[in-house]
Amino acid sequence: MSMKSLVALSILVTLFSNARGDQWPGWRGPSHDGLCKEQELPIRWGPTENVHWKISLPGIGHSSPIVWDDAIFVTTCVPEKLSRHLLRIDRETGRILWDRKIAISPIEEMHRDNNPAAATPVTDGQSIFVVFMVHDGLEVTALDFDGKKVWSRRVGSFQASHGFCSSLILDVNLLFLSGLQDGSDAFVAALDKRSGQIVWKVPRGNRIRSYSTPCLCTVENQPALLLSGADQTVAYHRQTGEPIWEIDGPGSKTVSSVVACSKSNIAFVCGGRDQKFFAIDLNSANQTEHPTSRIVWQATKGIPYITSPLLSAGKLHILSDEGVYRCYEAASGDLLKEKRAVAEVRSSMIANDRHIYVTDITGRTTVVNNDEHWTVLSENDIGEGVVASLAASNGDLVIRGDRHLFLIRDQGS
């Protein structure tokens, strides 16, 4: 092959690689915060416009879809059969390639807005990891991409009148699971992704059901896991589970997940039921004997209980469960914008560099510019309700509705 051909091939490979964009391997995407590097995502669609495919899913579920290359994975529960499932769906055609029954168990007691398939799975590109409540306990299962079960592990018992919905988080070889609950086995745990062995399991003294998904961050120059709920925000050492520090609050019961800025090392924590919000400094240079001195700024209005905040380009975007939007200067807490923007929401925002996607419970996704002005570019309806957060990968959006799974693709691309 000539040098000119090699250069051309190299350029094509680079362009193809850049065009593919991000995987969407777990809850809120590759960085667990709703952000992606996708440059070209659809901004207009409808029940038929730019819908590449639409399929019915067996059973019910509130978990978000995840995407790896040509595979989409989603969990469901079939109540009449008492069964929990993981499905693999072909990204291009929407065909269900396999449907694996993970467990059979009585349907647990839960809040009317919860669901037995509410926790989002996570993948490393070789295995998929799922968690369900099975016979009053939390059971984590690993499957390969062919749907073969690799291992299954009961991590602990679980008691909560609102059910379970916290998602797994993966970091290299460790899976992290929050088991905050009303029962005596309240815990936070790390599992070896290869074997399912419990690496560490730390009990929680405050036994209050909470559903925030753990956040990976750096605390005092140590790899940390930050978790809010049960009247505390606690930083754990990622490798050992040892608590690094803890702060009271901001909420007794939480669902909204923590997001952290790696540049400023500030974490943002919502306690919507108690109408409290903390921006917490994670830098060791600012440590004192009083943990509350880490709180950089606070807010008390429009704090979400369920939806998670979005941090992008130095701006913190918060959407209350009732649909009130607020944008803050992330470092200072200065309020830049306040607006009653959409209907009630349960889905958390996602964004690329250009746009923010806000999906309300009616199934309408409002696309706005990624800045503090709430400039609406489009409003897009799929014709059914949406609770799950969206996934974005390789120019596509994947939306789980009440009855169907949609792949949204710009038909002009």
Protein backbone atom coordinates (compact mmCIF):
# COMPACT_ATOMS: atom_id res chain seq x y z
CA MET A 1 0.00 0.00 0.00
CA SER A 2 1.36 3.43 -0.94
CA MET A 3 2.07 6.14 1.63
CA LYS A 4 -0.77 8.21 0.18
CA SER A 5 -3.18 5.30 0.66
CA LEU A 6 -2.01 4.76 4.23
CA VAL A 7 -2.59 8.43 5.04
CA ALA A 8 -6.05 8.30 3.49
CA LEU A 9 -6.89 5.15 5.42
CA SER A 10 -5.67 6.73 8.64
CA ILE A 11 -7.88 9.77 8.06
CA LEU A 12 -10.90 7.55 7.37
CA VAL A 13 -10.31 5.51 10.52
CA THR A 14 -9.99 8.70 12.57
CA LEU A 15 -13.17 10.17 11.09
CA PHE A 16 -15.06 6.92 11.66
CA SER A 17 -13.84 6.75 15.25
CA ASN A 18 -14.86 10.34 15.94
CA ALA A 19 -18.23 9.81 14.29
CA ARG A 20 -19.07 6.85 16.51
CA GLY A 21 -19.12 9.00 19.60
CA ASP A 22 -19.78 7.67 23.08
CA GLN A 23 -21.02 4.40 24.43
CA TRP A 24 -23.79 4.76 27.01
CA PRO A 25 -22.75 2.03 29.45
CA GLY A 26 -24.86 2.77 32.53
CA TRP A 27 -26.95 5.18 34.56
CA ARG A 28 -26.59 8.70 33.08
CA GLY A 29 -23.97 7.67 30.55
CA PRO A 30 -20.20 7.32 30.37
CA SER A 31 -19.45 9.81 33.17
CA HIS A 32 -22.57 9.05 35.27
CA ASP A 33 -23.72 12.68 35.03
CA GLY A 34 -25.86 12.89 31.89
CA LEU A 35 -23.11 14.38 29.70
CA CYS A 36 -21.90 12.94 26.42
CA LYS A 37 -19.42 13.92 23.71
CA GLU A 38 -21.91 13.36 20.90
CA GLN A 39 -21.76 16.33 18.56
CA GLU A 40 -24.78 15.53 16.40
CA LEU A 41 -27.88 14.31 18.19
CA PRO A 42 -31.42 14.69 16.84
CA ILE A 43 -33.20 17.81 18.03
CA ARG A 44 -36.56 17.16 16.33
CA TRP A 45 -38.76 14.08 16.31
CA GLY A 46 -42.37 13.01 16.75
CA PRO A 47 -44.48 9.83 16.87
CA THR A 48 -43.26 9.05 13.32
CA GLU A 49 -40.70 11.74 12.42
CA ASN A 50 -37.07 10.61 12.89
CA VAL A 51 -38.22 7.42 14.66
CA HIS A 52 -35.84 4.80 13.27
CA TRP A 53 -37.77 2.07 15.07
CA LYS A 54 -40.32 1.58 17.83
CA ILE A 55 -40.84 -1.75 19.58
CA SER A 56 -42.99 -3.15 22.36
CA LEU A 57 -41.16 -4.56 25.34
CA PRO A 58 -42.39 -7.54 27.35
CA GLY A 59 -43.40 -6.58 30.87
CA ILE A 60 -42.84 -3.26 32.60
CA GLY A 61 -39.87 -1.19 33.74
CA HIS A 62 -38.53 2.23 34.66
CA SER A 63 -34.83 1.49 34.16
CA SER A 64 -32.94 3.42 31.50
CA PRO A 65 -31.62 1.65 28.40
CA ILE A 66 -27.85 1.29 28.04
CA VAL A 67 -25.93 1.06 24.76
CA TRP A 68 -22.67 -0.60 23.72
CA ASP A 69 -21.82 -0.62 19.99
CA ASP A 70 -24.70 -2.38 18.22
CA ALA A 71 -26.32 -3.67 21.42
CA ILE A 72 -29.02 -2.04 23.55
CA PHE A 73 -29.77 -3.61 26.94
CA VAL A 74 -32.83 -3.03 29.08
CA THR A 75 -34.39 -4.70 32.12
CA THR A 76 -38.06 -5.58 32.57
CA CYS A 77 -40.41 -7.31 34.98
CA VAL A 78 -43.32 -9.52 33.87
CA PRO A 79 -45.64 -9.25 36.90
CA GLU A 80 -48.01 -12.07 35.96
CA LYS A 81 -45.04 -14.46 35.84
CA LEU A 82 -43.21 -12.82 38.80
CA SER A 83 -40.11 -12.76 36.58
CA ARG A 84 -37.28 -10.25 36.10
CA HIS A 85 -35.51 -10.08 32.75
CA LEU A 86 -32.59 -8.60 30.82
CA LEU A 87 -33.09 -8.05 27.07
CA ARG A 88 -30.56 -7.49 24.32
CA ILE A 89 -31.90 -5.50 21.36
CA ASP A 90 -30.24 -4.99 18.01
CA ARG A 91 -29.51 -1.31 17.65
CA GLU A 92 -30.08 -1.13 13.89
CA THR A 93 -33.29 -3.15 13.57
CA GLY A 94 -34.89 -3.06 17.02
CA ARG A 95 -35.13 -6.84 17.04
CA ILE A 96 -34.95 -8.51 20.47
CA LEU A 97 -31.94 -10.83 20.11
CA TRP A 98 -32.39 -12.52 23.47
CA ASP A 99 -34.50 -12.30 26.60
CA ARG A 100 -32.93 -13.81 29.72
CA LYS A 101 -34.96 -14.55 32.82
CA ILE A 102 -32.81 -13.41 35.76
CA ALA A 103 -35.04 -14.32 38.69
CA ILE A 104 -38.52 -15.29 39.80
CA SER A 105 -39.75 -13.70 43.01
CA PRO A 106 -42.94 -12.24 44.48
CA ILE A 107 -43.43 -8.59 43.55
CA GLU A 108 -42.05 -6.51 46.40
CA GLU A 109 -43.96 -3.81 48.26
CA MET A 110 -43.24 -0.47 46.62
CA HIS A 111 -44.31 3.11 46.08
CA ARG A 112 -46.98 3.59 43.41
CA ASP A 113 -44.42 5.41 41.22
CA ASN A 114 -41.76 2.70 41.59
CA ASN A 115 -41.28 -0.47 39.57
CA PRO A 116 -39.61 -3.90 40.09
CA ALA A 117 -37.32 -3.13 37.12
CA ALA A 118 -36.22 0.38 38.09
CA ALA A 119 -32.45 -0.02 38.55
CA THR A 120 -30.43 0.68 35.38
CA PRO A 121 -27.88 -2.03 34.40
CA VAL A 122 -24.23 -1.30 33.63
CA THR A 123 -21.73 -2.83 31.18
CA ASP A 124 -17.97 -2.87 30.61
CA GLY A 125 -18.36 -4.02 27.00
CA GLN A 126 -17.91 -7.69 27.92
CA SER A 127 -20.47 -8.32 30.67
CA ILE A 128 -23.74 -6.76 31.71
CA PHE A 129 -24.49 -6.36 35.41
CA VAL A 130 -28.03 -6.11 36.75
CA VAL A 131 -29.55 -5.80 40.22
CA PHE A 132 -33.06 -6.76 41.29
CA MET A 133 -34.84 -7.18 44.58
CA VAL A 134 -35.33 -10.94 44.90
CA HIS A 135 -37.00 -12.61 47.90
CA ASP A 136 -36.48 -9.56 50.14
CA GLY A 137 -32.82 -9.17 49.20
CA LEU A 138 -30.64 -7.42 46.61
CA GLU A 139 -29.25 -9.82 44.04
CA VAL A 140 -26.59 -8.78 41.50
CA THR A 141 -26.15 -10.89 38.34
CA ALA A 142 -23.53 -10.77 35.57
CA LEU A 143 -24.22 -12.00 32.04
CA ASP A 144 -22.04 -12.03 28.94
CA PHE A 145 -23.09 -10.48 25.64
CA ASP A 146 -24.55 -13.82 24.51
CA GLY A 147 -26.89 -13.81 27.48
CA LYS A 148 -25.07 -16.52 29.44
CA LYS A 149 -25.10 -16.06 33.21
CA VAL A 150 -21.55 -15.62 34.55
CA TRP A 151 -22.33 -15.28 38.27
CA SER A 152 -25.04 -14.21 40.69
CA ARG A 153 -24.62 -12.84 44.23
CA ARG A 154 -27.07 -11.98 47.00
CA VAL A 155 -25.46 -8.93 48.62
CA GLY A 156 -27.83 -8.36 51.50
CA SER A 157 -31.41 -8.25 52.68
CA PHE A 158 -33.53 -5.22 51.81
CA GLN A 159 -36.57 -3.74 53.56
CA ALA A 160 -38.26 -0.58 52.31
CA SER A 161 -41.93 0.15 51.83
CA HIS A 162 -41.09 2.11 48.65
CA GLY A 163 -39.24 -0.81 47.02
CA PHE A 164 -35.80 -0.55 45.39
CA CYS A 165 -34.42 1.47 42.46
CA SER A 166 -30.72 2.41 42.95
CA SER A 167 -28.47 1.67 39.96
CA LEU A 168 -25.10 -0.06 39.90
CA ILE A 169 -21.93 1.94 39.26
CA LEU A 170 -18.81 0.37 37.73
CA ASP A 171 -15.21 1.51 38.21
CA VAL A 172 -12.51 -0.69 36.58
CA ASN A 173 -13.06 -4.01 38.40
CA LEU A 174 -15.42 -2.89 41.15
CA LEU A 175 -19.22 -2.71 41.13
CA PHE A 176 -20.77 -0.39 43.71
CA LEU A 177 -24.24 -0.88 45.17
CA SER A 178 -26.24 1.24 47.62
CA GLY A 179 -28.48 -0.71 49.98
CA LEU A 180 -29.77 2.23 52.05
CA GLN A 181 -33.02 1.02 53.58
CA ASP A 182 -35.28 0.86 56.61
CA GLY A 183 -34.08 -2.64 57.52
CA SER A 184 -31.23 -3.66 59.81
CA ASP A 185 -28.96 -4.61 56.87
CA ALA A 186 -28.58 -1.03 55.55
CA PHE A 187 -25.26 -1.02 53.67
CA VAL A 188 -22.99 0.22 50.90
CA ALA A 189 -20.99 -2.49 49.09
CA ALA A 190 -18.36 -3.16 46.43
CA LEU A 191 -18.24 -6.37 44.40
CA ASP A 192 -15.52 -7.82 42.19
CA LYS A 193 -17.02 -7.65 38.71
CA ARG A 194 -15.16 -10.80 37.59
CA SER A 195 -16.34 -13.14 40.34
CA GLY A 196 -19.16 -11.39 42.18
CA GLN A 197 -17.28 -11.71 45.46
CA ILE A 198 -18.04 -8.98 47.99
CA VAL A 199 -14.85 -6.91 48.34
CA TRP A 200 -16.27 -4.75 51.12
CA LYS A 201 -19.64 -4.12 52.70
CA VAL A 202 -20.05 -1.20 55.10
CA PRO A 203 -23.12 -0.92 57.36
CA ARG A 204 -25.05 2.35 57.60
CA GLY A 205 -26.18 3.46 61.04
CA ASN A 206 -29.09 5.57 59.79
CA ARG A 207 -31.72 3.15 58.53
CA ILE A 208 -33.80 5.27 56.18
CA ARG A 209 -34.75 4.18 52.64
CA SER A 210 -32.92 6.25 50.04
CA TYR A 211 -32.18 5.64 46.38
CA SER A 212 -29.40 7.97 45.23
CA THR A 213 -26.94 6.17 42.95
CA PRO A 214 -23.30 6.42 44.18
CA CYS A 215 -21.02 9.03 42.58
CA LEU A 216 -17.36 8.41 41.69
CA CYS A 217 -15.09 11.31 42.64
CA THR A 218 -11.81 12.24 44.33
CA VAL A 219 -11.81 13.21 48.01
CA GLU A 220 -8.62 14.28 49.78
CA ASN A 221 -6.65 12.93 46.81
CA GLN A 222 -8.19 9.50 47.30
CA PRO A 223 -10.49 7.59 44.91
CA ALA A 224 -13.87 8.01 46.58
CA LEU A 225 -17.49 7.00 46.41
CA LEU A 226 -19.91 9.75 47.42
CA LEU A 227 -23.41 8.78 48.49
CA SER A 228 -26.29 10.87 49.84
CA GLY A 229 -29.32 9.65 51.74
CA ALA A 230 -30.55 8.61 55.18
CA ASP A 231 -29.77 12.07 56.61
CA GLN A 232 -26.11 11.94 55.54
CA THR A 233 -23.70 12.53 52.69
CA VAL A 234 -20.76 10.16 53.13
CA ALA A 235 -17.47 9.84 51.23
CA TYR A 236 -16.09 6.29 51.21
CA HIS A 237 -12.66 5.13 50.06
CA ARG A 238 -13.38 3.31 46.82
CA GLN A 239 -10.99 0.41 47.47
CA THR A 240 -11.63 -0.26 51.16
CA GLY A 241 -15.05 1.20 51.99
CA GLU A 242 -13.58 3.16 54.87
CA PRO A 243 -15.49 6.42 55.46
CA ILE A 244 -13.30 9.45 54.70
CA TRP A 245 -15.79 11.98 56.07
CA GLU A 246 -19.51 12.56 56.42
CA ILE A 247 -21.86 15.53 56.51
CA ASP A 248 -25.36 15.63 57.96
CA GLY A 249 -28.04 16.11 55.30
CA PRO A 250 -29.20 17.44 52.97
CA GLY A 251 -32.14 15.00 53.01
CA SER A 252 -33.53 12.10 54.99
CA LYS A 253 -34.86 10.29 51.92
CA THR A 254 -33.14 10.90 48.57
CA VAL A 255 -33.51 9.63 45.02
CA SER A 256 -31.62 12.34 43.12
CA SER A 257 -28.01 11.34 42.45
CA VAL A 258 -24.91 13.38 43.30
CA VAL A 259 -22.88 14.95 40.48
CA ALA A 260 -19.30 16.16 40.90
CA CYS A 261 -17.07 18.52 38.94
CA SER A 262 -13.60 17.04 38.43
CA LYS A 263 -12.13 20.47 37.60
CA SER A 264 -13.23 22.34 40.74
CA ASN A 265 -13.82 19.16 42.76
CA ILE A 266 -17.17 20.39 44.00
CA ALA A 267 -20.04 17.92 44.46
CA PHE A 268 -23.71 18.90 44.16
CA VAL A 269 -26.23 17.12 46.39
CA CYS A 270 -30.03 17.43 46.35
CA GLY A 271 -32.33 16.73 49.28
CA GLY A 272 -35.67 17.57 47.71
CA ARG A 273 -37.95 16.11 50.37
CA ASP A 274 -36.32 18.46 52.89
CA GLN A 275 -35.87 21.33 50.40
CA LYS A 276 -32.11 21.52 50.94
CA PHE A 277 -29.25 21.58 48.47
CA PHE A 278 -25.51 21.48 49.16
CA ALA A 279 -22.52 22.35 46.99
CA ILE A 280 -19.66 20.55 48.77
CA ASP A 281 -15.95 21.27 48.35
CA LEU A 282 -14.04 17.98 48.07
CA ASN A 283 -10.53 19.48 48.10
CA SER A 284 -8.29 18.43 50.97
CA ALA A 285 -6.77 21.93 51.11
CA ASN A 286 -10.06 23.25 52.49
CA GLN A 287 -10.52 20.59 55.15
CA THR A 288 -11.23 21.66 58.74
CA GLU A 289 -12.36 19.84 61.83
CA HIS A 290 -15.96 20.75 61.00
CA PRO A 291 -17.35 18.87 57.97
CA THR A 292 -20.01 21.53 57.35
CA SER A 293 -17.20 23.95 56.45
CA ARG A 294 -16.99 22.03 53.18
CA ILE A 295 -20.36 23.46 52.12
CA VAL A 296 -19.59 26.15 49.52
CA TRP A 297 -23.16 27.28 48.96
CA GLN A 298 -26.72 26.15 49.62
CA ALA A 299 -30.19 26.53 48.15
CA THR A 300 -33.68 25.89 49.50
CA LYS A 301 -36.09 26.47 46.59
CA GLY A 302 -37.18 24.05 43.88
CA ILE A 303 -34.86 21.24 44.98
CA PRO A 304 -35.64 17.95 43.22
CA TYR A 305 -36.43 14.80 45.12
CA ILE A 306 -36.20 12.42 42.14
CA THR A 307 -34.45 14.11 39.21
CA SER A 308 -30.67 14.57 39.21
CA PRO A 309 -28.89 17.86 38.40
CA LEU A 310 -26.82 18.50 35.30
CA LEU A 311 -23.41 20.20 35.41
CA SER A 312 -22.02 21.57 32.15
CA ALA A 313 -19.54 24.31 31.26
CA GLY A 314 -19.52 25.80 34.75
CA LYS A 315 -23.33 25.99 34.94
CA LEU A 316 -25.48 23.84 37.22
CA HIS A 317 -28.91 23.04 35.82
CA ILE A 318 -31.56 21.91 38.29
CA LEU A 319 -35.10 20.84 37.47
CA SER A 320 -37.58 20.28 40.27
CA ASP A 321 -39.92 17.30 40.06
CA GLU A 322 -42.69 19.82 39.34
CA GLY A 323 -40.85 21.15 36.26
CA VAL A 324 -39.35 24.39 37.59
CA TYR A 325 -35.93 25.09 36.04
CA ARG A 326 -33.09 26.90 37.76
CA CYS A 327 -29.59 27.57 36.49
CA TYR A 328 -26.75 28.50 38.85
CA GLU A 329 -23.17 29.56 38.47
CA ALA A 330 -21.72 26.30 39.77
CA ALA A 331 -18.77 27.77 41.67
CA SER A 332 -20.58 30.63 43.42
CA GLY A 333 -24.24 29.59 43.55
CA ASP A 334 -25.37 32.79 41.81
CA LEU A 335 -28.84 32.23 40.35
CA LEU A 336 -28.77 32.92 36.61
CA LYS A 337 -32.22 31.79 35.48
CA GLU A 338 -35.50 30.67 37.02
CA LYS A 339 -38.49 29.49 35.01
CA ARG A 340 -41.51 27.22 35.25
CA ALA A 341 -40.44 25.29 32.20
CA VAL A 342 -42.13 21.91 31.68
CA ALA A 343 -44.66 19.49 33.11
CA GLU A 344 -43.76 17.18 36.00
CA VAL A 345 -40.54 15.24 35.47
CA ARG A 346 -39.05 11.95 36.67
CA SER A 347 -36.41 11.56 33.96
CA SER A 348 -33.03 13.24 34.55
CA MET A 349 -31.60 15.68 32.00
CA ILE A 350 -28.91 14.69 29.51
CA ALA A 351 -26.77 16.99 27.36
CA ASN A 352 -24.02 17.38 24.81
CA ASP A 353 -21.92 20.52 24.34
CA ARG A 354 -24.68 22.21 22.34
CA HIS A 355 -28.04 21.10 23.75
CA ILE A 356 -29.85 19.97 26.88
CA TYR A 357 -32.64 17.38 26.66
CA VAL A 358 -35.45 17.63 29.23
CA THR A 359 -38.12 14.91 29.14
CA ASP A 360 -41.31 15.24 31.19
CA ILE A 361 -43.78 12.55 32.29
CA THR A 362 -46.05 13.16 29.27
CA GLY A 363 -43.27 12.00 26.93
CA ARG A 364 -42.44 15.46 25.63
CA THR A 365 -38.73 16.22 25.31
CA THR A 366 -37.82 19.91 25.27
CA VAL A 367 -34.48 20.65 23.61
CA VAL A 368 -32.80 23.88 24.73
CA ASN A 369 -29.43 25.49 24.13
CA ASN A 370 -26.76 24.40 26.61
CA ASP A 371 -26.51 27.71 28.46
CA GLU A 372 -28.40 29.58 31.17
CA HIS A 373 -31.05 31.21 28.96
CA TRP A 374 -33.54 28.34 28.39
CA THR A 375 -33.79 29.02 24.67
CA VAL A 376 -36.18 26.37 23.35
CA LEU A 377 -35.24 24.83 20.01
CA SER A 378 -37.94 22.18 19.82
CA GLU A 379 -40.57 20.24 21.73
CA ASN A 380 -40.88 16.59 20.73
CA ASP A 381 -43.62 14.14 21.67
CA ILE A 382 -43.47 10.33 21.37
CA GLY A 383 -47.13 9.85 22.23
CA GLU A 384 -46.72 8.11 25.61
CA GLY A 385 -45.39 8.84 29.08
CA VAL A 386 -41.71 8.66 30.02
CA VAL A 387 -40.13 8.04 33.43
CA ALA A 388 -36.74 6.60 32.41
CA SER A 389 -33.83 8.86 31.53
CA LEU A 390 -32.70 8.98 27.89
CA ALA A 391 -29.59 7.33 26.45
CA ALA A 392 -27.42 8.89 23.72
CA SER A 393 -24.85 7.10 21.57
CA ASN A 394 -23.40 7.35 18.07
CA GLY A 395 -25.86 10.04 16.98
CA ASP A 396 -28.90 8.17 18.33
CA LEU A 397 -31.25 8.78 21.22
CA VAL A 398 -32.89 5.80 22.91
CA ILE A 399 -36.11 6.56 24.80
CA ARG A 400 -38.00 4.15 27.01
CA GLY A 401 -41.68 5.04 27.14
CA ASP A 402 -44.50 3.53 29.16
CA ARG A 403 -45.24 0.98 26.44
CA HIS A 404 -42.45 1.09 23.86
CA LEU A 405 -38.74 1.53 23.30
CA PHE A 406 -37.81 4.12 20.65
CA LEU A 407 -34.61 4.71 18.70
CA ILE A 408 -34.53 8.33 17.49
CA ARG A 409 -32.21 9.04 14.56
CA ASP A 410 -31.96 12.05 12.29
CA GLN A 411 -33.08 10.56 8.99
CA GLY A 412 -30.99 13.10 7.13
CA SER A 413 -27.75 11.79 8.72
